[in-house]
Amino acid sequence: MIAKQIRYPGRKWLKHVSLWSDPLLREYLPDTMLFTPKNFIEMIDKYTVLFLKPDLGMKGKGVMKVTHDKDDYIIRTASCTHKYRSKKHAALKLKQLIKDKRYIVQQGIDLIQIQGNPIDFRALLHLKPDGDWRFFGIMGKVAAPNRFVTNHSNGGKAIRLYTALGVTKEDGQEWYKRIKEISLKIAAAMKEHFPKIAELGLDIAIDTDRKIWLVEANTKPQYQLFRYHSNPRLFGQIAASVRAIRSTSA
């Protein structure tokens, strides 16, 4: 299988399908389809919010949000908003915006927020020489005002896990343990499907019902958020680990 030879699998659809094949992980995965107008209509009939993302993309570029609000279908891009009364017209507009690129359409998660700004999280793992995964930790990202993506490159700000959840440090540790356990399960499944991977940045969401979701698994992740970790030495340790891993990736 070609996928087993990929060191840095980038296609969101390929990674989603690989993880979806594991029944134990499905509860953490948002409903996701490849974009076609027909698939979009099927999804918007099920969910009031959808996200459309380039199959190959990073840093939130090209992401669109679609909201079904009463009789309106509202498409938001990074620079403009389009409103339609018909889901078919919305689907055709999306097709026009996407052109010949390959996109996925994904169930929107009702993210926890601070002052109306959505929050998600980045969990970071590296493969150790003994074959086990090292879980470096988790950092939250708060979207900039009026933004629907939380990426640091789009103005997102770092936030600690317990602060984002509005709980004590002690309760935050229980959440940390839960997310670490789920992250290690995901890492094991990713390694089975893509044996050559050695890095993972998991985009984790927590919804308003406190359910944990995996939004995406990144195999060559950015780690700048960890500059703001409570352990001042951790960022240097991560950077050293990245250099060691990528120096052997030829």
Protein backbone atom coordinates (compact mmCIF):
# COMPACT_ATOMS: atom_id res chain seq x y z
CA MET A 1 0.00 0.00 0.00
CA ILE A 2 1.41 3.38 -1.04
CA ALA A 3 0.15 5.10 2.13
CA LYS A 4 2.46 2.94 4.23
CA GLN A 5 5.47 4.53 2.53
CA ILE A 6 4.42 8.14 3.26
CA ARG A 7 6.54 9.89 5.90
CA TYR A 8 4.36 13.00 6.08
CA PRO A 9 0.81 12.12 4.93
CA GLY A 10 -0.90 15.43 4.33
CA ARG A 11 -4.27 14.59 2.83
CA LYS A 12 -7.01 15.10 5.39
CA TRP A 13 -9.34 12.64 3.67
CA LEU A 14 -6.79 9.83 3.67
CA LYS A 15 -6.09 10.31 7.37
CA HIS A 16 -9.78 10.50 8.23
CA VAL A 17 -10.62 7.31 6.32
CA SER A 18 -7.67 5.52 7.96
CA LEU A 19 -8.79 6.44 11.47
CA TRP A 20 -12.48 5.84 10.71
CA SER A 21 -11.61 2.23 9.92
CA ASP A 22 -10.94 1.73 13.65
CA PRO A 23 -14.37 1.38 15.37
CA LEU A 24 -12.86 2.41 18.73
CA LEU A 25 -11.89 5.83 17.36
CA ARG A 26 -15.07 6.73 15.48
CA GLU A 27 -16.68 8.37 18.51
CA TYR A 28 -13.93 11.03 18.42
CA LEU A 29 -14.20 11.81 14.70
CA PRO A 30 -16.56 14.41 13.21
CA ASP A 31 -18.70 13.26 10.31
CA THR A 32 -16.64 14.00 7.18
CA MET A 33 -17.12 13.59 3.42
CA LEU A 34 -15.33 14.66 0.28
CA PHE A 35 -16.93 17.79 -1.10
CA THR A 36 -19.39 17.53 -3.95
CA PRO A 37 -22.55 19.65 -4.18
CA LYS A 38 -24.58 16.52 -3.44
CA ASN A 39 -22.48 15.63 -0.38
CA PHE A 40 -22.68 19.20 0.88
CA ILE A 41 -26.49 19.15 0.68
CA GLU A 42 -26.59 15.82 2.50
CA MET A 43 -24.38 17.21 5.27
CA ILE A 44 -26.14 20.58 5.67
CA ASP A 45 -29.42 18.68 6.06
CA LYS A 46 -27.85 16.94 9.08
CA TYR A 47 -25.82 19.73 10.72
CA THR A 48 -26.43 23.44 11.19
CA VAL A 49 -22.70 24.22 10.88
CA LEU A 50 -20.16 22.76 8.46
CA PHE A 51 -16.51 23.46 7.75
CA LEU A 52 -15.02 23.03 4.29
CA LYS A 53 -11.26 22.52 4.21
CA PRO A 54 -8.69 21.93 1.47
CA ASP A 55 -7.73 18.26 1.44
CA LEU A 56 -4.15 19.46 1.25
CA GLY A 57 -3.76 22.60 3.33
CA MET A 58 -2.33 24.04 6.50
CA LYS A 59 -2.53 27.02 8.88
CA GLY A 60 -6.25 27.38 8.27
CA LYS A 61 -5.79 28.66 4.72
CA GLY A 62 -8.79 28.20 2.46
CA VAL A 63 -11.12 27.07 5.25
CA MET A 64 -14.79 28.07 4.88
CA LYS A 65 -17.62 27.94 7.39
CA VAL A 66 -21.22 27.32 6.34
CA THR A 67 -24.11 28.00 8.72
CA HIS A 68 -27.74 27.06 8.23
CA ASP A 69 -29.59 29.76 10.16
CA LYS A 70 -33.40 29.57 9.84
CA ASP A 71 -34.01 30.11 6.11
CA ASP A 72 -30.50 31.31 5.25
CA TYR A 73 -27.36 29.43 4.22
CA ILE A 74 -24.37 31.61 5.10
CA ILE A 75 -20.90 30.95 3.65
CA ARG A 76 -17.99 32.64 5.41
CA THR A 77 -14.49 32.75 3.95
CA ALA A 78 -11.48 34.56 5.40
CA SER A 79 -12.42 37.71 3.49
CA CYS A 80 -16.15 37.75 2.73
CA THR A 81 -19.63 36.41 3.48
CA HIS A 82 -22.23 35.04 1.06
CA LYS A 83 -25.88 34.45 1.96
CA TYR A 84 -28.40 32.28 0.11
CA ARG A 85 -31.98 31.19 0.71
CA SER A 86 -31.41 27.90 -1.14
CA LYS A 87 -29.00 25.15 -0.15
CA LYS A 88 -28.62 24.30 -3.84
CA HIS A 89 -27.45 27.83 -4.60
CA ALA A 90 -25.07 27.67 -1.64
CA ALA A 91 -23.69 24.38 -2.96
CA LEU A 92 -23.12 25.90 -6.40
CA LYS A 93 -21.36 28.92 -4.86
CA LEU A 94 -19.07 26.61 -2.91
CA LYS A 95 -18.27 24.69 -6.08
CA GLN A 96 -17.41 28.02 -7.74
CA LEU A 97 -15.17 29.04 -4.83
CA ILE A 98 -13.43 25.67 -4.64
CA LYS A 99 -12.92 25.39 -8.42
CA ASP A 100 -10.85 22.30 -9.22
CA LYS A 101 -9.35 21.86 -5.75
CA ARG A 102 -10.15 18.86 -3.60
CA TYR A 103 -11.99 19.72 -0.38
CA ILE A 104 -13.54 17.89 2.52
CA VAL A 105 -16.78 18.92 4.21
CA GLN A 106 -16.87 18.31 7.95
CA GLN A 107 -19.44 18.43 10.72
CA GLY A 108 -19.06 21.64 12.72
CA ILE A 109 -18.24 21.25 16.42
CA ASP A 110 -19.88 23.61 18.92
CA LEU A 111 -16.57 24.58 20.51
CA ILE A 112 -16.15 25.93 24.00
CA GLN A 113 -15.51 29.68 23.92
CA ILE A 114 -14.09 32.57 25.87
CA GLN A 115 -15.86 35.90 25.35
CA GLY A 116 -17.45 34.53 22.18
CA ASN A 117 -14.14 33.35 20.68
CA PRO A 118 -13.85 29.60 19.94
CA ILE A 119 -11.08 27.48 21.46
CA ASP A 120 -9.42 24.28 20.34
CA PHE A 121 -6.26 22.47 21.39
CA ARG A 122 -3.01 21.09 20.03
CA ALA A 123 -1.63 17.87 21.53
CA LEU A 124 1.95 17.09 20.51
CA LEU A 125 3.57 13.65 20.30
CA HIS A 126 6.93 12.40 18.99
CA LEU A 127 8.07 8.85 18.41
CA LYS A 128 10.91 7.83 20.73
CA PRO A 129 13.82 5.60 19.58
CA ASP A 130 12.28 2.67 21.50
CA GLY A 131 9.12 2.92 19.39
CA ASP A 132 6.87 4.40 22.06
CA TRP A 133 5.23 7.80 21.70
CA ARG A 134 6.25 10.70 23.92
CA PHE A 135 3.32 12.96 24.81
CA PHE A 136 4.77 16.45 25.22
CA GLY A 137 1.54 18.05 26.34
CA ILE A 138 -1.40 20.11 25.17
CA MET A 139 -1.93 23.81 24.57
CA GLY A 140 -5.14 25.69 23.81
CA LYS A 141 -5.68 28.20 20.99
CA VAL A 142 -8.25 30.99 21.21
CA ALA A 143 -9.42 32.40 17.89
CA ALA A 144 -8.91 36.11 17.29
CA PRO A 145 -12.11 38.22 17.45
CA ASN A 146 -14.43 37.62 14.47
CA ARG A 147 -12.31 34.69 13.26
CA PHE A 148 -13.58 31.11 13.02
CA VAL A 149 -10.15 29.45 12.80
CA THR A 150 -7.88 29.31 15.84
CA ASN A 151 -4.52 28.92 14.11
CA HIS A 152 -1.64 30.88 15.63
CA SER A 153 -0.82 32.21 12.15
CA ASN A 154 -4.34 33.69 11.97
CA GLY A 155 -4.07 35.58 15.24
CA GLY A 156 -4.97 32.75 17.61
CA LYS A 157 -3.60 33.11 21.13
CA ALA A 158 -2.23 30.44 23.44
CA ILE A 159 -4.23 29.44 26.50
CA ARG A 160 -3.73 26.80 29.20
CA LEU A 161 -6.04 23.79 29.25
CA TYR A 162 -7.57 24.42 32.67
CA THR A 163 -8.09 28.11 31.93
CA ALA A 164 -9.85 27.30 28.66
CA LEU A 165 -12.15 24.87 30.45
CA GLY A 166 -12.77 27.20 33.39
CA VAL A 167 -11.72 24.58 35.93
CA THR A 168 -9.13 24.34 38.69
CA LYS A 169 -5.58 23.15 38.00
CA GLU A 170 -6.44 19.88 39.75
CA ASP A 171 -9.47 19.25 37.55
CA GLY A 172 -7.36 20.32 34.58
CA GLN A 173 -5.03 17.43 35.34
CA GLU A 174 -7.92 14.97 34.96
CA TRP A 175 -8.69 16.46 31.55
CA TYR A 176 -5.00 16.27 30.68
CA LYS A 177 -4.98 12.54 31.47
CA ARG A 178 -8.09 11.91 29.37
CA ILE A 179 -6.71 13.77 26.37
CA LYS A 180 -3.33 12.06 26.71
CA GLU A 181 -4.99 8.62 26.75
CA ILE A 182 -7.06 9.41 23.65
CA SER A 183 -4.03 10.94 21.90
CA LEU A 184 -1.95 7.81 22.46
CA LYS A 185 -4.75 5.65 21.00
CA ILE A 186 -4.87 7.89 17.93
CA ALA A 187 -1.08 7.84 17.60
CA ALA A 188 -1.05 4.03 17.72
CA ALA A 189 -3.69 3.86 14.98
CA MET A 190 -1.88 6.42 12.82
CA LYS A 191 1.38 4.50 13.19
CA GLU A 192 -0.35 1.31 12.07
CA HIS A 193 -1.63 2.98 8.89
CA PHE A 194 1.45 5.16 8.26
CA PRO A 195 4.45 3.30 9.74
CA LYS A 196 6.98 5.95 8.73
CA ILE A 197 5.49 8.82 10.74
CA ALA A 198 7.38 10.08 13.78
CA GLU A 199 5.55 13.32 14.69
CA LEU A 200 1.93 14.11 15.45
CA GLY A 201 0.15 17.33 16.22
CA LEU A 202 -3.44 16.46 17.05
CA ASP A 203 -6.04 19.19 16.71
CA ILE A 204 -8.38 18.43 19.59
CA ALA A 205 -11.77 20.04 20.13
CA ILE A 206 -13.95 20.06 23.24
CA ASP A 207 -17.58 20.93 22.63
CA THR A 208 -20.04 22.69 24.92
CA ASP A 209 -21.22 19.28 26.18
CA ARG A 210 -17.59 18.56 27.17
CA LYS A 211 -17.16 15.84 24.53
CA ILE A 212 -13.64 15.41 23.11
CA TRP A 213 -13.15 15.32 19.33
CA LEU A 214 -10.22 14.83 16.99
CA VAL A 215 -10.49 17.46 14.26
CA GLU A 216 -7.27 16.58 12.42
CA ALA A 217 -3.99 14.67 12.82
CA ASN A 218 -0.99 16.61 11.50
CA THR A 219 2.17 14.65 10.73
CA LYS A 220 4.61 17.57 10.38
CA PRO A 221 3.12 19.88 12.97
CA GLN A 222 4.00 23.40 14.00
CA TYR A 223 4.82 23.67 17.69
CA GLN A 224 5.20 27.41 18.33
CA LEU A 225 2.31 27.35 20.82
CA PHE A 226 4.52 25.45 23.23
CA ARG A 227 6.65 28.55 23.73
CA TYR A 228 3.87 29.52 26.14
CA HIS A 229 3.85 26.26 28.09
CA SER A 230 4.18 26.46 31.87
CA ASN A 231 7.45 24.48 31.62
CA PRO A 232 9.96 26.97 30.14
CA ARG A 233 12.33 24.17 29.09
CA LEU A 234 9.74 22.18 27.14
CA PHE A 235 9.92 24.22 23.93
CA GLY A 236 13.68 23.63 23.67
CA GLN A 237 13.18 19.91 24.24
CA ILE A 238 10.56 19.78 21.49
CA ALA A 239 12.78 21.73 19.08
CA ALA A 240 15.70 19.35 19.74
CA SER A 241 13.45 16.34 19.18
CA VAL A 242 12.15 17.80 15.91
CA ARG A 243 15.71 18.36 14.65
CA ALA A 244 16.66 14.79 15.51
CA ILE A 245 13.57 13.32 13.81
CA ARG A 246 13.76 15.43 10.66
CA SER A 247 17.49 14.93 10.23
CA THR A 248 16.76 11.25 9.59
CA SER A 249 13.79 11.82 7.27
CA ALA A 250 15.67 11.72 4.00
